[in-house]
PDB file of N, CA and C in Angstrom:
ATOM      1  N   UNK A   1     -31.599  -6.387  25.633  1.00  0.00           N
ATOM      2  CA  UNK A   1     -31.836  -5.946  24.102  1.00  0.00           C
ATOM      3  C   UNK A   1     -30.604  -4.819  23.611  1.00  0.00           C
ATOM      4  N   UNK A   2     -30.574  -3.787  24.301  1.00  0.00           N
ATOM      5  CA  UNK A   2     -29.347  -2.581  23.900  1.00  0.00           C
ATOM      6  C   UNK A   2     -28.644  -3.413  23.476  1.00  0.00           C
ATOM      7  N   UNK A   3     -27.761  -4.287  24.536  1.00  0.00           N
ATOM      8  CA  UNK A   3     -26.463  -4.723  23.908  1.00  0.00           C
ATOM      9  C   UNK A   3     -26.844  -5.845  22.754  1.00  0.00           C
ATOM     10  N   UNK A   4     -27.703  -6.394  22.462  1.00  0.00           N
ATOM     11  CA  UNK A   4     -27.641  -6.878  21.303  1.00  0.00           C
ATOM     12  C   UNK A   4     -28.106  -6.288  20.091  1.00  0.00           C
ATOM     13  N   UNK A   5     -28.735  -5.089  20.212  1.00  0.00           N
ATOM     14  CA  UNK A   5     -28.948  -4.398  19.441  1.00  0.00           C
ATOM     15  C   UNK A   5     -27.494  -3.451  18.732  1.00  0.00           C
ATOM     16  N   UNK A   6     -26.464  -2.956  19.950  1.00  0.00           N
ATOM     17  CA  UNK A   6     -24.919  -2.687  19.948  1.00  0.00           C
ATOM     18  C   UNK A   6     -24.332  -3.882  19.034  1.00  0.00           C
ATOM     19  N   UNK A   7     -24.763  -4.881  19.293  1.00  0.00           N
ATOM     20  CA  UNK A   7     -23.853  -6.285  18.493  1.00  0.00           C
ATOM     21  C   UNK A   7     -24.233  -6.068  17.134  1.00  0.00           C
ATOM     22  N   UNK A   8     -25.460  -6.102  16.699  1.00  0.00           N
ATOM     23  CA  UNK A   8     -26.038  -5.856  15.314  1.00  0.00           C
ATOM     24  C   UNK A   8     -25.375  -4.585  14.711  1.00  0.00           C
ATOM     25  N   UNK A   9     -25.320  -3.622  15.375  1.00  0.00           N
ATOM     26  CA  UNK A   9     -24.571  -2.521  14.675  1.00  0.00           C
ATOM     27  C   UNK A   9     -23.215  -2.509  14.462  1.00  0.00           C
ATOM     28  N   UNK A  10     -22.600  -2.989  15.179  1.00  0.00           N
ATOM     29  CA  UNK A  10     -21.173  -3.411  15.181  1.00  0.00           C
ATOM     30  C   UNK A  10     -20.958  -4.274  13.897  1.00  0.00           C
ATOM     31  N   UNK A  11     -21.696  -5.291  13.969  1.00  0.00           N
ATOM     32  CA  UNK A  11     -21.602  -6.427  12.798  1.00  0.00           C
ATOM     33  C   UNK A  11     -21.803  -5.725  11.451  1.00  0.00           C
ATOM     34  N   UNK A  12     -23.131  -5.065  11.472  1.00  0.00           N
ATOM     35  CA  UNK A  12     -23.519  -4.388  10.207  1.00  0.00           C
ATOM     36  C   UNK A  12     -22.330  -3.047  10.018  1.00  0.00           C
ATOM     37  N   UNK A  13     -21.660  -2.511  10.623  1.00  0.00           N
ATOM     38  CA  UNK A  13     -20.884  -1.241  10.559  1.00  0.00           C
ATOM     39  C   UNK A  13     -19.462  -2.509   9.886  1.00  0.00           C
ATOM     40  N   UNK A  14     -19.003  -3.277  10.576  1.00  0.00           N
ATOM     41  CA  UNK A  14     -18.128  -4.008  10.305  1.00  0.00           C
ATOM     42  C   UNK A  14     -17.987  -4.480   8.857  1.00  0.00           C
ATOM     43  N   UNK A  15     -19.298  -4.973   8.258  1.00  0.00           N
ATOM     44  CA  UNK A  15     -19.450  -5.535   7.085  1.00  0.00           C
ATOM     45  C   UNK A  15     -19.183  -4.322   5.925  1.00  0.00           C
ATOM     46  N   UNK A  16     -19.943  -3.113   6.183  1.00  0.00           N
ATOM     47  CA  UNK A  16     -19.434  -2.367   5.472  1.00  0.00           C
ATOM     48  C   UNK A  16     -18.045  -1.915   5.267  1.00  0.00           C
ATOM     49  N   UNK A  17     -17.460  -1.831   6.171  1.00  0.00           N
ATOM     50  CA  UNK A  17     -15.948  -1.543   6.321  1.00  0.00           C
ATOM     51  C   UNK A  17     -15.413  -2.442   5.477  1.00  0.00           C
ATOM     52  N   UNK A  18     -15.448  -3.822   5.809  1.00  0.00           N
ATOM     53  CA  UNK A  18     -14.884  -5.355   4.820  1.00  0.00           C
ATOM     54  C   UNK A  18     -15.260  -4.759   3.321  1.00  0.00           C
ATOM     55  N   UNK A  19     -16.176  -4.652   3.176  1.00  0.00           N
ATOM     56  CA  UNK A  19     -17.195  -4.714   1.474  1.00  0.00           C
ATOM     57  C   UNK A  19     -16.084  -3.436   1.199  1.00  0.00           C
ATOM     58  N   UNK A  20     -16.211  -2.247   1.266  1.00  0.00           N
ATOM     59  CA  UNK A  20     -15.268  -1.386   0.703  1.00  0.00           C
ATOM     60  C   UNK A  20     -14.097  -1.896   0.639  1.00  0.00           C
ATOM     61  N   UNK A  21     -13.421  -2.338   1.537  1.00  0.00           N
ATOM     62  CA  UNK A  21     -12.053  -2.613   1.484  1.00  0.00           C
ATOM     63  C   UNK A  21     -11.928  -3.787   0.610  1.00  0.00           C
ATOM     64  N   UNK A  22     -12.761  -4.783  -0.003  1.00  0.00           N
ATOM     65  CA  UNK A  22     -12.938  -5.664  -0.639  1.00  0.00           C
ATOM     66  C   UNK A  22     -12.970  -5.214  -2.202  1.00  0.00           C
ATOM     67  N   UNK A  23     -13.646  -4.107  -2.349  1.00  0.00           N
ATOM     68  CA  UNK A  23     -14.113  -3.516  -3.432  1.00  0.00           C
ATOM     69  C   UNK A  23     -12.919  -2.691  -3.880  1.00  0.00           C
ATOM     70  N   UNK A  24     -12.161  -2.287  -2.910  1.00  0.00           N
ATOM     71  CA  UNK A  24     -10.852  -1.605  -3.562  1.00  0.00           C
ATOM     72  C   UNK A  24      -9.609  -2.039  -4.009  1.00  0.00           C
ATOM     73  N   UNK A  25      -9.402  -3.796  -3.341  1.00  0.00           N
ATOM     74  CA  UNK A  25      -8.672  -4.283  -3.775  1.00  0.00           C
ATOM     75  C   UNK A  25      -8.174  -4.291  -5.317  1.00  0.00           C
ATOM     76  N   UNK A  26      -6.906  -4.312  -5.799  1.00  0.00           N
ATOM     77  CA  UNK A  26      -6.442  -4.335  -7.264  1.00  0.00           C
ATOM     78  C   UNK A  26      -5.963  -3.411  -7.495  1.00  0.00           C
ATOM     79  N   UNK A  27      -5.800  -3.164  -8.855  1.00  0.00           N
ATOM     80  CA  UNK A  27      -5.088  -2.070  -9.613  1.00  0.00           C
ATOM     81  C   UNK A  27      -6.072  -1.163 -10.238  1.00  0.00           C
ATOM     82  N   UNK A  28      -5.594  -0.194  -9.947  1.00  0.00           N
ATOM     83  CA  UNK A  28      -6.687   1.240 -10.545  1.00  0.00           C
ATOM     84  C   UNK A  28      -5.705   2.084 -11.323  1.00  0.00           C
ATOM     85  N   UNK A  29      -6.011   2.535 -12.186  1.00  0.00           N
ATOM     86  CA  UNK A  29      -4.995   3.600 -13.594  1.00  0.00           C
ATOM     87  C   UNK A  29      -6.078   4.704 -13.592  1.00  0.00           C
ATOM     88  N   UNK A  30      -5.455   5.928 -13.707  1.00  0.00           N
ATOM     89  CA  UNK A  30      -5.920   6.820 -13.969  1.00  0.00           C
ATOM     90  C   UNK A  30      -4.806   8.242 -14.420  1.00  0.00           C
ATOM     91  N   UNK A  31      -5.705   9.485 -14.501  1.00  0.00           N
ATOM     92  CA  UNK A  31      -4.416  10.443 -14.605  1.00  0.00           C
ATOM     93  C   UNK A  31      -4.615  11.556 -13.709  1.00  0.00           C
ATOM     94  N   UNK A  32      -3.682  12.092 -13.412  1.00  0.00           N
ATOM     95  CA  UNK A  32      -3.925  13.423 -12.400  1.00  0.00           C
ATOM     96  C   UNK A  32      -4.427  14.543 -12.940  1.00  0.00           C
ATOM     97  N   UNK A  33      -4.550  15.734 -12.246  1.00  0.00           N
ATOM     98  CA  UNK A  33      -5.187  17.081 -12.796  1.00  0.00           C
ATOM     99  C   UNK A  33      -4.268  17.613 -13.955  1.00  0.00           C
ATOM    100  N   UNK A  34      -2.817  17.075 -13.673  1.00  0.00           N
ATOM    101  CA  UNK A  34      -1.568  17.466 -14.329  1.00  0.00           C
ATOM    102  C   UNK A  34      -1.400  17.144 -15.450  1.00  0.00           C
ATOM    103  N   UNK A  35      -1.852  15.968 -15.714  1.00  0.00           N
ATOM    104  CA  UNK A  35      -1.809  14.881 -16.834  1.00  0.00           C
ATOM    105  C   UNK A  35      -1.019  13.826 -16.488  1.00  0.00           C
ATOM    106  N   UNK A  36      -0.511  13.643 -15.222  1.00  0.00           N
ATOM    107  CA  UNK A  36       0.222  12.269 -15.163  1.00  0.00           C
ATOM    108  C   UNK A  36      -0.228  11.083 -14.864  1.00  0.00           C
ATOM    109  N   UNK A  37       0.250  10.004 -15.144  1.00  0.00           N
ATOM    110  CA  UNK A  37      -0.354   8.692 -15.007  1.00  0.00           C
ATOM    111  C   UNK A  37      -0.251   8.458 -13.829  1.00  0.00           C
ATOM    112  N   UNK A  38      -1.216   7.829 -12.817  1.00  0.00           N
ATOM    113  CA  UNK A  38      -1.132   7.299 -11.555  1.00  0.00           C
ATOM    114  C   UNK A  38      -1.786   5.868 -11.796  1.00  0.00           C
ATOM    115  N   UNK A  39      -1.202   5.071 -11.255  1.00  0.00           N
ATOM    116  CA  UNK A  39      -1.498   3.478 -10.477  1.00  0.00           C
ATOM    117  C   UNK A  39      -1.463   3.531  -9.223  1.00  0.00           C
ATOM    118  N   UNK A  40      -2.656   3.190  -8.549  1.00  0.00           N
ATOM    119  CA  UNK A  40      -2.573   2.477  -7.124  1.00  0.00           C
ATOM    120  C   UNK A  40      -3.034   1.070  -7.152  1.00  0.00           C
ATOM    121  N   UNK A  41      -2.154   0.711  -6.269  1.00  0.00           N
ATOM    122  CA  UNK A  41      -2.667  -0.872  -6.068  1.00  0.00           C
ATOM    123  C   UNK A  41      -3.032  -1.287  -4.685  1.00  0.00           C
ATOM    124  N   UNK A  42      -4.277  -1.347  -4.494  1.00  0.00           N
ATOM    125  CA  UNK A  42      -4.623  -1.430  -3.141  1.00  0.00           C
ATOM    126  C   UNK A  42      -4.621  -3.248  -2.713  1.00  0.00           C
ATOM    127  N   UNK A  43      -3.804  -3.389  -1.850  1.00  0.00           N
ATOM    128  CA  UNK A  43      -3.815  -4.682  -1.526  1.00  0.00           C
ATOM    129  C   UNK A  43      -4.406  -5.546  -0.180  1.00  0.00           C
ATOM    130  N   UNK A  44      -4.752  -6.788   0.079  1.00  0.00           N
ATOM    131  CA  UNK A  44      -5.779  -7.523   1.062  1.00  0.00           C
ATOM    132  C   UNK A  44      -5.322  -7.091   2.249  1.00  0.00           C
ATOM    133  N   UNK A  45      -3.564  -6.931   2.654  1.00  0.00           N
ATOM    134  CA  UNK A  45      -3.311  -6.904   3.712  1.00  0.00           C
ATOM    135  C   UNK A  45      -3.053  -5.260   4.374  1.00  0.00           C
ATOM    136  N   UNK A  46      -4.092  -4.224   3.718  1.00  0.00           N
ATOM    137  CA  UNK A  46      -3.938  -2.661   3.648  1.00  0.00           C
ATOM    138  C   UNK A  46      -2.494  -2.097   3.123  1.00  0.00           C
ATOM    139  N   UNK A  47      -2.090  -2.677   2.631  1.00  0.00           N
ATOM    140  CA  UNK A  47      -0.957  -1.960   1.822  1.00  0.00           C
ATOM    141  C   UNK A  47      -1.001  -1.422   0.641  1.00  0.00           C
ATOM    142  N   UNK A  48      -0.472  -0.234   0.074  1.00  0.00           N
ATOM    143  CA  UNK A  48      -0.990   0.741  -0.715  1.00  0.00           C
ATOM    144  C   UNK A  48       0.546   0.644  -1.457  1.00  0.00           C
ATOM    145  N   UNK A  49       0.400   0.354  -2.950  1.00  0.00           N
ATOM    146  CA  UNK A  49       1.528   0.821  -4.137  1.00  0.00           C
ATOM    147  C   UNK A  49       0.905   1.899  -4.592  1.00  0.00           C
ATOM    148  N   UNK A  50       1.595   2.984  -5.028  1.00  0.00           N
ATOM    149  CA  UNK A  50       1.428   4.067  -5.985  1.00  0.00           C
ATOM    150  C   UNK A  50       2.676   4.584  -6.813  1.00  0.00           C
ATOM    151  N   UNK A  51       1.975   4.737  -8.040  1.00  0.00           N
ATOM    152  CA  UNK A  51       3.138   4.985  -8.876  1.00  0.00           C
ATOM    153  C   UNK A  51       2.560   6.497  -9.568  1.00  0.00           C
ATOM    154  N   UNK A  52       3.263   7.618  -9.323  1.00  0.00           N
ATOM    155  CA  UNK A  52       2.937   8.742 -10.343  1.00  0.00           C
ATOM    156  C   UNK A  52       3.899   8.910 -11.285  1.00  0.00           C
ATOM    157  N   UNK A  53       3.972   9.020 -12.582  1.00  0.00           N
ATOM    158  CA  UNK A  53       4.721   9.024 -13.440  1.00  0.00           C
ATOM    159  C   UNK A  53       5.934   8.147 -13.263  1.00  0.00           C
ATOM    160  N   UNK A  54       7.160   8.795 -12.749  1.00  0.00           N
ATOM    161  CA  UNK A  54       8.384   7.933 -12.139  1.00  0.00           C
ATOM    162  C   UNK A  54       8.503   7.651 -10.581  1.00  0.00           C
ATOM    163  N   UNK A  55       7.486   8.626 -10.179  1.00  0.00           N
ATOM    164  CA  UNK A  55       7.776   8.266  -8.576  1.00  0.00           C
ATOM    165  C   UNK A  55       7.220   7.181  -8.421  1.00  0.00           C
ATOM    166  N   UNK A  56       7.479   6.425  -7.005  1.00  0.00           N
ATOM    167  CA  UNK A  56       6.637   5.072  -6.562  1.00  0.00           C
ATOM    168  C   UNK A  56       6.864   5.080  -5.190  1.00  0.00           C
ATOM    169  N   UNK A  57       5.827   4.852  -4.515  1.00  0.00           N
ATOM    170  CA  UNK A  57       5.088   5.127  -3.012  1.00  0.00           C
ATOM    171  C   UNK A  57       4.836   4.041  -2.503  1.00  0.00           C
ATOM    172  N   UNK A  58       5.059   3.771  -1.014  1.00  0.00           N
ATOM    173  CA  UNK A  58       4.136   2.544  -0.495  1.00  0.00           C
ATOM    174  C   UNK A  58       3.767   3.172   1.035  1.00  0.00           C
ATOM    175  N   UNK A  59       2.602   2.432   1.195  1.00  0.00           N
ATOM    176  CA  UNK A  59       2.107   2.900   2.593  1.00  0.00           C
ATOM    177  C   UNK A  59       1.038   2.048   3.033  1.00  0.00           C
ATOM    178  N   UNK A  60       0.251   2.328   4.046  1.00  0.00           N
ATOM    179  CA  UNK A  60      -0.805   1.274   4.719  1.00  0.00           C
ATOM    180  C   UNK A  60      -2.140   2.103   4.629  1.00  0.00           C
ATOM    181  N   UNK A  61      -3.084   1.954   4.378  1.00  0.00           N
ATOM    182  CA  UNK A  61      -4.298   2.483   4.105  1.00  0.00           C
ATOM    183  C   UNK A  61      -5.366   1.916   4.892  1.00  0.00           C
ATOM    184  N   UNK A  62      -6.009   2.630   5.172  1.00  0.00           N
ATOM    185  CA  UNK A  62      -7.491   2.438   6.265  1.00  0.00           C
ATOM    186  C   UNK A  62      -8.881   3.273   5.267  1.00  0.00           C
ATOM    187  N   UNK A  63     -10.022   2.420   5.418  1.00  0.00           N
ATOM    188  CA  UNK A  63     -10.986   3.336   5.146  1.00  0.00           C
ATOM    189  C   UNK A  63     -11.895   3.311   6.018  1.00  0.00           C
ATOM    190  N   UNK A  64     -12.888   4.365   6.049  1.00  0.00           N
ATOM    191  CA  UNK A  64     -14.104   4.255   7.003  1.00  0.00           C
ATOM    192  C   UNK A  64     -15.073   4.048   6.120  1.00  0.00           C
ATOM    193  N   UNK A  65     -15.598   2.691   6.185  1.00  0.00           N
ATOM    194  CA  UNK A  65     -17.165   2.357   5.051  1.00  0.00           C
ATOM    195  C   UNK A  65     -18.144   3.264   5.329  1.00  0.00           C
ATOM    196  N   UNK A  66     -18.221   3.979   6.784  1.00  0.00           N
ATOM    197  CA  UNK A  66     -19.764   4.310   7.341  1.00  0.00           C
ATOM    198  C   UNK A  66     -19.725   5.729   6.881  1.00  0.00           C
ATOM    199  N   UNK A  67     -18.941   6.203   6.367  1.00  0.00           N
ATOM    200  CA  UNK A  67     -18.978   7.936   5.742  1.00  0.00           C
ATOM    201  C   UNK A  67     -19.471   7.990   4.765  1.00  0.00           C
ATOM    202  N   UNK A  68     -19.893   9.287   3.969  1.00  0.00           N
ATOM    203  CA  UNK A  68     -19.973   9.461   2.481  1.00  0.00           C
ATOM    204  C   UNK A  68     -19.784  10.569   2.091  1.00  0.00           C
ATOM    205  N   UNK A  69     -18.701  10.835   1.278  1.00  0.00           N
ATOM    206  CA  UNK A  69     -17.856  10.141   0.800  1.00  0.00           C
ATOM    207  C   UNK A  69     -17.182   9.228   1.587  1.00  0.00           C
ATOM    208  N   UNK A  70     -16.686   7.988   1.212  1.00  0.00           N
ATOM    209  CA  UNK A  70     -15.845   7.128   2.022  1.00  0.00           C
ATOM    210  C   UNK A  70     -14.351   8.274   2.340  1.00  0.00           C
ATOM    211  N   UNK A  71     -13.709   8.048   4.024  1.00  0.00           N
ATOM    212  CA  UNK A  71     -12.699   8.762   4.226  1.00  0.00           C
ATOM    213  C   UNK A  71     -11.621   7.579   4.043  1.00  0.00           C
ATOM    214  N   UNK A  72     -10.632   8.111   3.308  1.00  0.00           N
ATOM    215  CA  UNK A  72      -9.294   7.334   2.827  1.00  0.00           C
ATOM    216  C   UNK A  72      -8.054   7.748   3.568  1.00  0.00           C
ATOM    217  N   UNK A  73      -7.576   7.001   4.175  1.00  0.00           N
ATOM    218  CA  UNK A  73      -6.669   7.451   5.085  1.00  0.00           C
ATOM    219  C   UNK A  73      -4.926   6.313   4.793  1.00  0.00           C
ATOM    220  N   UNK A  74      -4.227   7.587   4.595  1.00  0.00           N
ATOM    221  CA  UNK A  74      -3.076   6.430   3.843  1.00  0.00           C
ATOM    222  C   UNK A  74      -1.602   7.111   4.538  1.00  0.00           C
ATOM    223  N   UNK A  75      -0.738   6.251   5.238  1.00  0.00           N
ATOM    224  CA  UNK A  75       0.293   6.391   6.115  1.00  0.00           C
ATOM    225  C   UNK A  75       1.315   5.996   5.027  1.00  0.00           C
ATOM    226  N   UNK A  76       2.266   6.998   4.942  1.00  0.00           N
ATOM    227  CA  UNK A  76       3.535   6.986   4.025  1.00  0.00           C
ATOM    228  C   UNK A  76       4.613   6.585   4.700  1.00  0.00           C
ATOM    229  N   UNK A  77       4.360   6.658   6.158  1.00  0.00           N
ATOM    230  CA  UNK A  77       5.579   6.415   7.031  1.00  0.00           C
ATOM    231  C   UNK A  77       6.497   7.966   7.456  1.00  0.00           C
ATOM    232  N   UNK A  78       7.409   8.080   7.057  1.00  0.00           N
ATOM    233  CA  UNK A  78       8.382   9.039   6.956  1.00  0.00           C
ATOM    234  C   UNK A  78       7.888  10.262   5.941  1.00  0.00           C
ATOM    235  N   UNK A  79       7.183   9.854   4.892  1.00  0.00           N
ATOM    236  CA  UNK A  79       6.782  11.035   4.423  1.00  0.00           C
ATOM    237  C   UNK A  79       5.432  11.486   4.558  1.00  0.00           C
ATOM    238  N   UNK A  80       4.841  10.993   5.812  1.00  0.00           N
ATOM    239  CA  UNK A  80       3.487  11.923   6.217  1.00  0.00           C
ATOM    240  C   UNK A  80       1.931  10.843   6.089  1.00  0.00           C
ATOM    241  N   UNK A  81       1.188  11.658   6.431  1.00  0.00           N
ATOM    242  CA  UNK A  81      -0.098  10.739   6.533  1.00  0.00           C
ATOM    243  C   UNK A  81      -1.034  11.777   5.504  1.00  0.00           C
ATOM    244  N   UNK A  82      -2.020  11.080   4.753  1.00  0.00           N
ATOM    245  CA  UNK A  82      -2.904  11.899   4.074  1.00  0.00           C
ATOM    246  C   UNK A  82      -3.801  11.292   4.107  1.00  0.00           C
ATOM    247  N   UNK A  83      -4.879  12.387   4.518  1.00  0.00           N
ATOM    248  CA  UNK A  83      -6.407  11.751   4.783  1.00  0.00           C
ATOM    249  C   UNK A  83      -7.412  12.783   3.889  1.00  0.00           C
ATOM    250  N   UNK A  84      -7.797  12.028   2.974  1.00  0.00           N
ATOM    251  CA  UNK A  84      -8.660  12.421   1.745  1.00  0.00           C
ATOM    252  C   UNK A  84     -10.106  11.541   1.860  1.00  0.00           C
ATOM    253  N   UNK A  85     -10.806  11.698   0.503  1.00  0.00           N
ATOM    254  CA  UNK A  85     -11.839  11.364   0.608  1.00  0.00           C
ATOM    255  C   UNK A  85     -12.222  10.193  -0.719  1.00  0.00           C
ATOM    256  N   UNK A  86     -13.143   9.349  -1.053  1.00  0.00           N
ATOM    257  CA  UNK A  86     -12.926   8.469  -1.989  1.00  0.00           C
ATOM    258  C   UNK A  86     -14.523   8.043  -2.405  1.00  0.00           C
ATOM    259  N   UNK A  87     -14.819   8.143  -3.543  1.00  0.00           N
ATOM    260  CA  UNK A  87     -15.966   7.121  -3.936  1.00  0.00           C
ATOM    261  C   UNK A  87     -16.139   6.043  -4.831  1.00  0.00           C
ATOM    262  N   UNK A  88     -16.465   4.946  -4.834  1.00  0.00           N
ATOM    263  CA  UNK A  88     -16.372   3.989  -5.633  1.00  0.00           C
ATOM    264  C   UNK A  88     -17.882   3.529  -6.206  1.00  0.00           C
ATOM    265  N   UNK A  89     -17.652   3.887  -7.826  1.00  0.00           N
ATOM    266  CA  UNK A  89     -18.819   3.413  -8.260  1.00  0.00           C
ATOM    267  C   UNK A  89     -18.595   2.182  -9.320  1.00  0.00           C
ATOM    268  N   UNK A  90     -18.923   1.192  -9.172  1.00  0.00           N
ATOM    269  CA  UNK A  90     -18.479  -0.074  -9.685  1.00  0.00           C
ATOM    270  C   UNK A  90     -16.987  -0.169 -10.502  1.00  0.00           C
ATOM    271  N   UNK A  91     -16.437  -0.066 -11.148  1.00  0.00           N
ATOM    272  CA  UNK A  91     -15.071   0.006 -11.664  1.00  0.00           C
ATOM    273  C   UNK A  91     -14.068   1.445 -11.916  1.00  0.00           C
ATOM    274  N   UNK A  92     -15.124   2.314 -11.289  1.00  0.00           N
ATOM    275  CA  UNK A  92     -14.605   3.772 -11.392  1.00  0.00           C
ATOM    276  C   UNK A  92     -14.413   4.122  -9.732  1.00  0.00           C
ATOM    277  N   UNK A  93     -13.145   4.886  -9.387  1.00  0.00           N
ATOM    278  CA  UNK A  93     -12.612   5.044  -8.194  1.00  0.00           C
ATOM    279  C   UNK A  93     -12.500   6.688  -8.270  1.00  0.00           C
ATOM    280  N   UNK A  94     -13.330   7.324  -7.620  1.00  0.00           N
ATOM    281  CA  UNK A  94     -13.117   9.067  -7.325  1.00  0.00           C
ATOM    282  C   UNK A  94     -12.194   9.430  -6.186  1.00  0.00           C
ATOM    283  N   UNK A  95     -11.433   9.913  -6.502  1.00  0.00           N
ATOM    284  CA  UNK A  95     -10.448  10.394  -5.288  1.00  0.00           C
ATOM    285  C   UNK A  95     -10.027  12.114  -5.317  1.00  0.00           C
ATOM    286  N   UNK A  96     -10.419  12.613  -3.912  1.00  0.00           N
ATOM    287  CA  UNK A  96      -9.734  13.579  -3.654  1.00  0.00           C
ATOM    288  C   UNK A  96      -8.475  14.017  -3.665  1.00  0.00           C
ATOM    289  N   UNK A  97      -7.829  14.893  -4.477  1.00  0.00           N
ATOM    290  CA  UNK A  97      -6.147  15.044  -4.097  1.00  0.00           C
ATOM    291  C   UNK A  97      -5.962  15.764  -2.995  1.00  0.00           C
ATOM    292  N   UNK A  98      -4.860  15.435  -2.313  1.00  0.00           N
ATOM    293  CA  UNK A  98      -4.586  16.218  -0.579  1.00  0.00           C
ATOM    294  C   UNK A  98      -2.963  15.706  -0.585  1.00  0.00           C
ATOM    295  N   UNK A  99      -2.881  16.736   0.342  1.00  0.00           N
ATOM    296  CA  UNK A  99      -1.108  16.355   0.513  1.00  0.00           C
ATOM    297  C   UNK A  99      -1.063  16.087   2.096  1.00  0.00           C
ATOM    298  N   UNK A 100      -0.019  15.776   2.184  1.00  0.00           N
ATOM    299  CA  UNK A 100       0.116  15.129   3.757  1.00  0.00           C
ATOM    300  C   UNK A 100       0.237  15.764   4.576  1.00  0.00           C
ATOM    301  N   UNK A 101      -0.686  15.660   5.781  1.00  0.00           N
ATOM    302  CA  UNK A 101      -0.714  16.739   6.996  1.00  0.00           C
ATOM    303  C   UNK A 101      -1.871  17.539   6.864  1.00  0.00           C
ATOM    304  N   UNK A 102      -2.156  17.429   5.825  1.00  0.00           N
ATOM    305  CA  UNK A 102      -3.466  18.942   5.416  1.00  0.00           C
ATOM    306  C   UNK A 102      -4.805  17.890   5.971  1.00  0.00           C
ATOM    307  N   UNK A 103      -5.680  19.252   6.434  1.00  0.00           N
ATOM    308  CA  UNK A 103      -6.610  18.642   6.859  1.00  0.00           C
ATOM    309  C   UNK A 103      -7.697  17.743   5.612  1.00  0.00           C
ATOM    310  N   UNK A 104      -8.610  17.004   6.195  1.00  0.00           N
ATOM    311  CA  UNK A 104      -9.568  15.949   5.378  1.00  0.00           C
ATOM    312  C   UNK A 104     -10.310  16.950   4.370  1.00  0.00           C
ATOM    313  N   UNK A 105     -10.492  16.691   2.919  1.00  0.00           N
ATOM    314  CA  UNK A 105     -11.367  17.628   2.276  1.00  0.00           C
ATOM    315  C   UNK A 105     -12.874  17.089   2.746  1.00  0.00           C
ATOM    316  N   UNK A 106     -13.490  17.996   2.511  1.00  0.00           N
ATOM    317  CA  UNK A 106     -15.282  17.613   2.527  1.00  0.00           C
ATOM    318  C   UNK A 106     -16.093  17.386   1.274  1.00  0.00           C
ATOM    319  N   UNK A 107     -15.448  17.939   0.090  1.00  0.00           N
ATOM    320  CA  UNK A 107     -15.902  17.256  -1.143  1.00  0.00           C
ATOM    321  C   UNK A 107     -15.297  17.239  -1.943  1.00  0.00           C
ATOM    322  N   UNK A 108     -15.557  16.793  -3.061  1.00  0.00           N
ATOM    323  CA  UNK A 108     -14.689  16.661  -4.117  1.00  0.00           C
ATOM    324  C   UNK A 108     -14.392  18.031  -4.936  1.00  0.00           C
ATOM    325  N   UNK A 109     -13.390  18.067  -5.572  1.00  0.00           N
ATOM    326  CA  UNK A 109     -12.969  19.668  -6.138  1.00  0.00           C
ATOM    327  C   UNK A 109     -12.507  19.350  -7.761  1.00  0.00           C
ATOM    328  N   UNK A 110     -11.883  20.229  -8.409  1.00  0.00           N
ATOM    329  CA  UNK A 110     -11.660  19.853  -9.924  1.00  0.00           C
ATOM    330  C   UNK A 110     -10.709  19.293  -9.510  1.00  0.00           C
ATOM    331  N   UNK A 111      -9.917  19.213  -8.627  1.00  0.00           N
ATOM    332  CA  UNK A 111      -8.604  17.998  -8.294  1.00  0.00           C
ATOM    333  C   UNK A 111      -8.691  16.589  -8.277  1.00  0.00           C
ATOM    334  N   UNK A 112      -9.855  16.447  -8.259  1.00  0.00           N
ATOM    335  CA  UNK A 112     -10.485  15.120  -7.833  1.00  0.00           C
ATOM    336  C   UNK A 112      -9.795  14.030  -9.324  1.00  0.00           C
ATOM    337  N   UNK A 113      -9.461  13.141  -8.898  1.00  0.00           N
ATOM    338  CA  UNK A 113      -8.758  11.874  -9.674  1.00  0.00           C
ATOM    339  C   UNK A 113     -10.079  10.618  -9.714  1.00  0.00           C
ATOM    340  N   UNK A 114     -10.347  10.412 -11.026  1.00  0.00           N
ATOM    341  CA  UNK A 114     -10.588   9.411 -11.606  1.00  0.00           C
ATOM    342  C   UNK A 114      -9.953   8.296 -12.078  1.00  0.00           C
ATOM    343  N   UNK A 115      -9.853   7.178 -11.269  1.00  0.00           N
ATOM    344  CA  UNK A 115      -9.016   5.794 -11.787  1.00  0.00           C
ATOM    345  C   UNK A 115     -10.310   4.635 -12.036  1.00  0.00           C
ATOM    346  N   UNK A 116      -9.717   3.956 -12.682  1.00  0.00           N
ATOM    347  CA  UNK A 116     -10.636   2.787 -13.397  1.00  0.00           C
ATOM    348  C   UNK A 116      -9.944   1.493 -13.004  1.00  0.00           C
ATOM    349  N   UNK A 117     -10.564   0.283 -12.459  1.00  0.00           N
ATOM    350  CA  UNK A 117      -9.794  -0.836 -12.156  1.00  0.00           C
ATOM    351  C   UNK A 117      -9.728  -1.475 -13.680  1.00  0.00           C
ATOM    352  N   UNK A 118      -8.500  -2.212 -13.266  1.00  0.00           N
ATOM    353  CA  UNK A 118      -7.984  -3.226 -14.405  1.00  0.00           C
ATOM    354  C   UNK A 118      -7.851  -4.484 -14.170  1.00  0.00           C
TER     355      UNK A 118
END
């Protein structure tokens, strides 16, 4: 019985994970707290393209769909790893700004960015 329950919990949590990743797929556009345009493209293969003004970056992302808000990790390779939080509400994505190597924020601040799905 415990084995069946563990399998059901795993299936449920796996479904949540793929659900948020599916919601993220696509192009999101917004403005940073400093007024710069930001575009993020989440791809099905977990690649992320990000452009802030004229700067372009690529990384690999993962999302913890069981946390609230969701944990978003982005690995920019030689440029470091970013641990942040996000909230998705329909076509709106709120993301807390964070620098590579810093601890994951626990809540949203005035630096949080809101992007709209295109």
